[in-house]
Amino acid sequence: MTTTSSLTARTAAAARAAHLIVDEPPLIFADPLAERLLGGEAEELLSYHRLHGSHVVLAGARAQVTCRSRYAEDHLASAVADGIRQYVILGAGLDSFAYRSPVADQVAIFEVDMLATLDDKRARLSAAQLEVPDNVVFVAVDFESGSLSADLANNGLDLSEPAFVSWLGVTMYLSRDALGATFKELSRLGSGTQVVADYMLPAELRDEAGETYVELVAPSSAERGEPWLSFLSPVQMSELLASHGFATLRQVAQRDVGDTQMWHRSDALRPANLSVIAHAATCGVRG
């Protein structure tokens, strides 16, 4: 398979897959399809976690991706129970929700990413013998273009109805202006739209584990053409959201995900002050 998708998408999928292999119960999040979507790359990418799973970067990656995915899908399920019927996955990468979730058939799903990544996703789904359901639409966008709401509407999203939007593992790669432009586009979705987005904390708010993670990962990300451009405090994120019509419902640190037993662990996973999940909504939704 010729790889055209982001390495970030593949390493995030590897971290989700590795959580089921190298970590002990309780599971934070289960993605049984992540390894299949990695295809021929799975053995190499998972070997790092098998051999060095306690390393601060690999354990940190597993904690980060599982926490944000769990929070997003738990609250999506609640939104679906409350009547939301549209789910937008920004920066969909190798997200597998549409192909495994018990609530996937209750929503119209819009997988949004760069065209090359979506083409690669289709090829991987085919190779894994995973059929694309009729309620899934792939939407190719450029997050810098400012046409997201129109692109979604042109692909069948109803702008008069609310949607649930997950935007995971992406914001750090965009400038603050680009983040604002995307939130502005999302504010054009129906009243009651909810957004779950994770973001990286600035140095002064990171703990030792978070700082080590950034020092080791950010330079290599920049070298492969994916520099981290945005670091935000919770106050700054709330202000950015508010400036585009979103009320912050909650700001969630890794240690706040799951129940009280989540971090009583015998493996290498520990909550770090590295990233935070913002959960916000336009008018009509209470926290």
Protein backbone atom coordinates (compact mmCIF):
# COMPACT_ATOMS: atom_id res chain seq x y z
CA MET A 1 0.00 0.00 0.00
CA THR A 2 1.31 3.45 -0.89
CA THR A 3 1.04 5.63 2.19
CA THR A 4 -0.32 9.11 1.57
CA SER A 5 -1.90 9.87 4.94
CA SER A 6 -0.33 11.73 7.83
CA LEU A 7 2.14 9.84 10.01
CA THR A 8 0.33 11.45 12.94
CA ALA A 9 -2.90 9.65 11.97
CA ARG A 10 -1.08 6.33 11.80
CA THR A 11 0.79 6.74 15.10
CA ALA A 12 -2.45 7.75 16.83
CA ALA A 13 -4.11 4.59 15.50
CA ALA A 14 -1.10 2.59 16.67
CA ALA A 15 -1.44 4.06 20.17
CA ARG A 16 -5.13 3.10 20.28
CA ALA A 17 -4.32 -0.41 19.07
CA ALA A 18 -1.40 -0.80 21.48
CA HIS A 19 -3.58 0.12 24.46
CA LEU A 20 -5.38 -3.20 23.99
CA ILE A 21 -2.07 -5.09 23.84
CA VAL A 22 0.38 -3.59 26.33
CA ASP A 23 -1.78 -1.95 29.00
CA GLU A 24 -3.65 -3.59 31.85
CA PRO A 25 -7.34 -3.22 32.80
CA PRO A 26 -9.23 -1.05 33.26
CA LEU A 27 -9.18 -0.06 29.60
CA ILE A 28 -9.61 3.65 28.99
CA PHE A 29 -10.93 3.14 25.45
CA ALA A 30 -11.25 0.15 23.13
CA ASP A 31 -10.65 0.47 19.40
CA PRO A 32 -10.54 -3.11 18.07
CA LEU A 33 -10.26 -1.95 14.45
CA ALA A 34 -7.22 0.32 14.78
CA GLU A 35 -4.73 -2.49 14.14
CA ARG A 36 -6.64 -3.67 11.06
CA LEU A 37 -6.62 -0.17 9.59
CA LEU A 38 -2.84 0.00 10.00
CA GLY A 39 -2.57 -2.99 7.69
CA GLY A 40 1.01 -3.89 6.80
CA GLU A 41 2.38 -1.10 9.02
CA ALA A 42 0.81 -2.53 12.17
CA GLU A 43 3.66 -4.87 13.11
CA GLU A 44 6.32 -2.17 12.95
CA LEU A 45 4.30 0.55 14.68
CA LEU A 46 3.04 -1.74 17.45
CA SER A 47 6.49 -3.21 18.05
CA TYR A 48 7.65 0.08 19.55
CA HIS A 49 4.89 -0.11 22.16
CA ARG A 50 5.53 -3.80 22.84
CA LEU A 51 9.26 -3.26 23.37
CA HIS A 52 9.26 0.21 24.97
CA GLY A 53 5.69 0.66 26.23
CA SER A 54 6.71 2.38 29.46
CA HIS A 55 8.66 5.13 27.66
CA VAL A 56 7.24 8.55 28.47
CA VAL A 57 6.40 9.31 24.82
CA LEU A 58 4.72 6.00 24.02
CA ALA A 59 2.81 5.75 27.31
CA GLY A 60 1.96 9.43 27.00
CA ALA A 61 0.63 8.93 23.49
CA ARG A 62 -1.57 6.03 24.59
CA ALA A 63 -2.96 8.03 27.51
CA GLN A 64 -3.62 11.05 25.33
CA VAL A 65 -5.39 9.33 22.43
CA THR A 66 -7.48 7.00 24.60
CA CYS A 67 -8.62 9.77 26.94
CA ARG A 68 -9.74 12.09 24.17
CA SER A 69 -11.47 9.30 22.22
CA ARG A 70 -13.29 8.02 25.29
CA TYR A 71 -14.51 11.45 26.28
CA ALA A 72 -15.69 12.31 22.77
CA GLU A 73 -17.54 9.05 22.18
CA ASP A 74 -19.09 8.94 25.67
CA HIS A 75 -20.53 12.42 25.19
CA LEU A 76 -21.53 11.71 21.61
CA ALA A 77 -23.60 8.80 22.91
CA SER A 78 -25.29 11.16 25.37
CA ALA A 79 -25.95 13.67 22.58
CA VAL A 80 -27.46 10.94 20.41
CA ALA A 81 -29.72 9.93 23.30
CA ASP A 82 -30.81 13.58 23.44
CA GLY A 83 -31.68 13.59 19.74
CA ILE A 84 -28.60 14.74 17.83
CA ARG A 85 -28.43 12.92 14.51
CA GLN A 86 -25.33 14.42 12.84
CA TYR A 87 -21.74 13.61 13.75
CA VAL A 88 -18.80 15.49 12.23
CA ILE A 89 -15.29 14.06 12.71
CA LEU A 90 -12.75 16.78 11.90
CA GLY A 91 -9.33 15.40 11.07
CA ALA A 92 -10.87 11.93 10.84
CA GLY A 93 -7.59 10.20 10.00
CA LEU A 94 -7.95 6.50 10.85
CA ASP A 95 -10.87 7.01 13.23
CA SER A 96 -12.95 3.82 13.27
CA PHE A 97 -16.14 4.98 15.02
CA ALA A 98 -18.35 4.47 11.97
CA TYR A 99 -17.26 0.85 11.58
CA ARG A 100 -17.57 -0.41 15.17
CA SER A 101 -19.76 1.77 17.40
CA PRO A 102 -23.20 0.50 18.45
CA VAL A 103 -24.62 4.02 17.96
CA ALA A 104 -22.99 4.63 14.56
CA ASP A 105 -26.17 3.74 12.68
CA GLN A 106 -28.13 6.41 14.56
CA VAL A 107 -26.26 9.39 13.08
CA ALA A 108 -25.22 10.75 9.71
CA ILE A 109 -21.41 10.65 9.90
CA PHE A 110 -19.17 13.14 8.11
CA GLU A 111 -15.49 12.15 8.06
CA VAL A 112 -13.55 15.32 7.29
CA ASP A 113 -9.88 15.45 6.34
CA MET A 114 -7.43 16.23 3.56
CA LEU A 115 -8.17 14.47 0.28
CA ALA A 116 -4.98 12.37 0.38
CA THR A 117 -5.80 11.12 3.87
CA LEU A 118 -9.36 10.23 2.89
CA ASP A 119 -8.17 8.38 -0.20
CA ASP A 120 -5.72 6.44 1.95
CA LYS A 121 -8.51 5.71 4.45
CA ARG A 122 -10.70 4.26 1.73
CA ALA A 123 -7.87 2.01 0.58
CA ARG A 124 -7.22 0.83 4.13
CA LEU A 125 -10.90 0.11 4.75
CA SER A 126 -11.03 -1.95 1.57
CA ALA A 127 -7.86 -3.85 2.48
CA ALA A 128 -9.30 -4.57 5.94
CA GLN A 129 -12.57 -5.73 4.32
CA LEU A 130 -14.53 -3.06 6.19
CA GLU A 131 -17.52 -1.78 4.25
CA VAL A 132 -18.33 1.93 4.36
CA PRO A 133 -21.91 2.25 5.68
CA ASP A 134 -24.46 4.25 3.71
CA ASN A 135 -24.62 6.89 6.47
CA VAL A 136 -20.92 7.79 6.13
CA VAL A 137 -19.77 10.65 3.91
CA PHE A 138 -16.13 11.59 3.27
CA VAL A 139 -15.60 15.36 3.04
CA ALA A 140 -12.28 16.66 1.72
CA VAL A 141 -11.35 20.08 3.14
CA ASP A 142 -8.49 22.46 3.75
CA PHE A 143 -8.85 23.81 7.30
CA GLU A 144 -7.23 27.08 6.23
CA SER A 145 -9.76 27.71 3.42
CA GLY A 146 -12.72 28.93 5.50
CA SER A 147 -15.31 26.88 3.59
CA LEU A 148 -15.97 24.08 6.09
CA SER A 149 -19.66 24.75 6.72
CA ALA A 150 -20.37 25.03 2.98
CA ASP A 151 -18.38 21.86 2.28
CA LEU A 152 -20.39 20.00 4.91
CA ALA A 153 -23.69 21.34 3.62
CA ASN A 154 -22.77 20.41 0.06
CA ASN A 155 -22.21 16.87 1.29
CA GLY A 156 -25.56 16.56 3.01
CA LEU A 157 -25.20 18.07 6.48
CA ASP A 158 -28.35 19.96 7.53
CA LEU A 159 -27.24 23.38 8.77
CA SER A 160 -30.62 23.94 10.40
CA GLU A 161 -30.07 21.01 12.80
CA PRO A 162 -27.42 20.62 15.52
CA ALA A 163 -24.42 18.37 15.13
CA PHE A 164 -21.87 16.82 17.44
CA VAL A 165 -18.32 17.64 16.32
CA SER A 166 -15.13 15.92 17.45
CA TRP A 167 -11.85 17.61 16.62
CA LEU A 168 -9.12 15.47 18.12
CA GLY A 169 -5.37 15.56 17.65
CA VAL A 170 -5.46 18.46 15.20
CA THR A 171 -5.55 21.88 16.85
CA MET A 172 -1.85 21.98 17.75
CA TYR A 173 -0.96 21.83 14.03
CA LEU A 174 -2.96 24.96 13.19
CA SER A 175 -2.32 28.64 13.83
CA ARG A 176 -4.60 30.43 16.28
CA ASP A 177 -6.14 32.31 13.35
CA ALA A 178 -6.93 29.01 11.65
CA LEU A 179 -8.48 27.68 14.87
CA GLY A 180 -10.68 30.75 15.10
CA ALA A 181 -11.69 30.43 11.45
CA THR A 182 -12.74 26.81 12.01
CA PHE A 183 -14.76 27.64 15.13
CA LYS A 184 -16.41 30.43 13.14
CA GLU A 185 -17.38 27.89 10.48
CA LEU A 186 -18.68 25.48 13.12
CA SER A 187 -20.79 28.25 14.65
CA ARG A 188 -22.81 28.19 11.41
CA LEU A 189 -24.07 24.72 12.22
CA GLY A 190 -27.47 24.36 13.88
CA SER A 191 -28.22 25.80 17.31
CA GLY A 192 -27.23 23.33 20.01
CA THR A 193 -24.18 22.06 18.14
CA GLN A 194 -21.54 20.62 20.47
CA VAL A 195 -17.78 20.57 19.87
CA VAL A 196 -15.19 18.43 21.63
CA ALA A 197 -11.63 19.53 20.81
CA ASP A 198 -8.33 18.75 22.51
CA TYR A 199 -5.44 21.20 22.60
CA MET A 200 -1.89 21.39 23.90
CA LEU A 201 -1.06 23.34 27.05
CA PRO A 202 1.69 26.01 27.10
CA ALA A 203 4.94 25.26 28.91
CA GLU A 204 3.96 27.02 32.14
CA LEU A 205 0.96 24.71 32.60
CA ARG A 206 2.67 21.43 31.71
CA ASP A 207 4.02 19.06 34.35
CA GLU A 208 7.32 17.19 34.01
CA ALA A 209 5.82 14.36 31.97
CA GLY A 210 4.02 16.81 29.69
CA GLU A 211 7.13 18.91 29.19
CA THR A 212 9.26 15.87 28.40
CA TYR A 213 6.69 14.69 25.88
CA VAL A 214 6.72 18.04 24.08
CA GLU A 215 10.53 18.29 24.14
CA LEU A 216 10.87 14.86 22.52
CA VAL A 217 7.93 14.85 20.10
CA ALA A 218 7.54 18.43 18.85
CA PRO A 219 10.94 18.66 17.08
CA SER A 220 10.45 15.38 15.21
CA SER A 221 6.94 16.44 14.22
CA ALA A 222 8.32 19.68 12.81
CA GLU A 223 11.05 17.82 10.91
CA ARG A 224 8.45 15.75 9.07
CA GLY A 225 6.51 18.88 8.09
CA GLU A 226 3.90 18.91 10.86
CA PRO A 227 5.04 21.61 13.32
CA TRP A 228 3.03 22.36 16.45
CA LEU A 229 1.78 25.92 16.10
CA SER A 230 -0.74 26.45 18.91
CA PHE A 231 -0.50 26.04 22.68
CA LEU A 232 -3.43 27.38 24.70
CA SER A 233 -4.40 27.74 28.33
CA PRO A 234 -7.96 26.78 29.29
CA VAL A 235 -8.76 30.48 29.68
CA GLN A 236 -7.45 31.25 26.21
CA MET A 237 -9.41 28.36 24.69
CA SER A 238 -12.62 29.47 26.40
CA GLU A 239 -12.08 33.02 25.16
CA LEU A 240 -11.44 31.78 21.62
CA LEU A 241 -14.60 29.68 21.71
CA ALA A 242 -16.66 32.52 23.16
CA SER A 243 -15.48 34.91 20.45
CA HIS A 244 -17.14 32.61 17.91
CA GLY A 245 -20.41 31.95 19.73
CA PHE A 246 -19.55 28.87 21.80
CA ALA A 247 -20.08 28.53 25.53
CA THR A 248 -17.58 26.26 27.26
CA LEU A 249 -19.40 23.43 29.04
CA ARG A 250 -16.28 21.98 30.63
CA GLN A 251 -12.50 21.71 30.34
CA VAL A 252 -11.32 18.17 30.97
CA ALA A 253 -7.81 17.11 31.97
CA GLN A 254 -6.62 13.55 31.42
CA ARG A 255 -7.08 12.71 35.10
CA ASP A 256 -10.76 13.74 34.84
CA VAL A 257 -11.62 11.16 32.17
CA GLY A 258 -13.47 8.04 33.28
CA ASP A 259 -14.39 7.06 36.81
CA THR A 260 -12.47 7.24 40.07
CA GLN A 261 -10.80 3.88 39.43
CA MET A 262 -9.44 4.82 36.01
CA TRP A 263 -6.01 5.88 37.21
CA HIS A 264 -5.53 3.18 39.84
CA ARG A 265 -3.33 1.31 37.39
CA SER A 266 -0.61 -1.34 37.38
CA ASP A 267 0.73 -0.32 33.95
CA ALA A 268 2.71 2.69 32.73
CA LEU A 269 -0.24 4.97 31.97
CA ARG A 270 -0.39 8.09 34.11
CA PRO A 271 -2.37 11.31 33.60
CA ALA A 272 -0.17 14.18 32.45
CA ASN A 273 -0.62 17.92 32.23
CA LEU A 274 -0.01 17.91 28.50
CA SER A 275 -3.33 18.49 26.79
CA VAL A 276 -6.89 19.38 27.75
CA ILE A 277 -10.23 18.53 26.17
CA ALA A 278 -12.60 21.47 25.63
CA HIS A 279 -16.30 20.67 25.39
CA ALA A 280 -18.39 23.59 24.14
CA ALA A 281 -21.75 24.28 22.57
CA THR A 282 -23.77 26.94 20.88
CA CYS A 283 -26.96 28.10 22.59
CA GLY A 284 -29.48 25.50 23.68
CA VAL A 285 -27.19 23.04 25.50
CA ARG A 286 -26.52 22.89 29.21
CA GLY A 287 -23.39 21.52 30.80
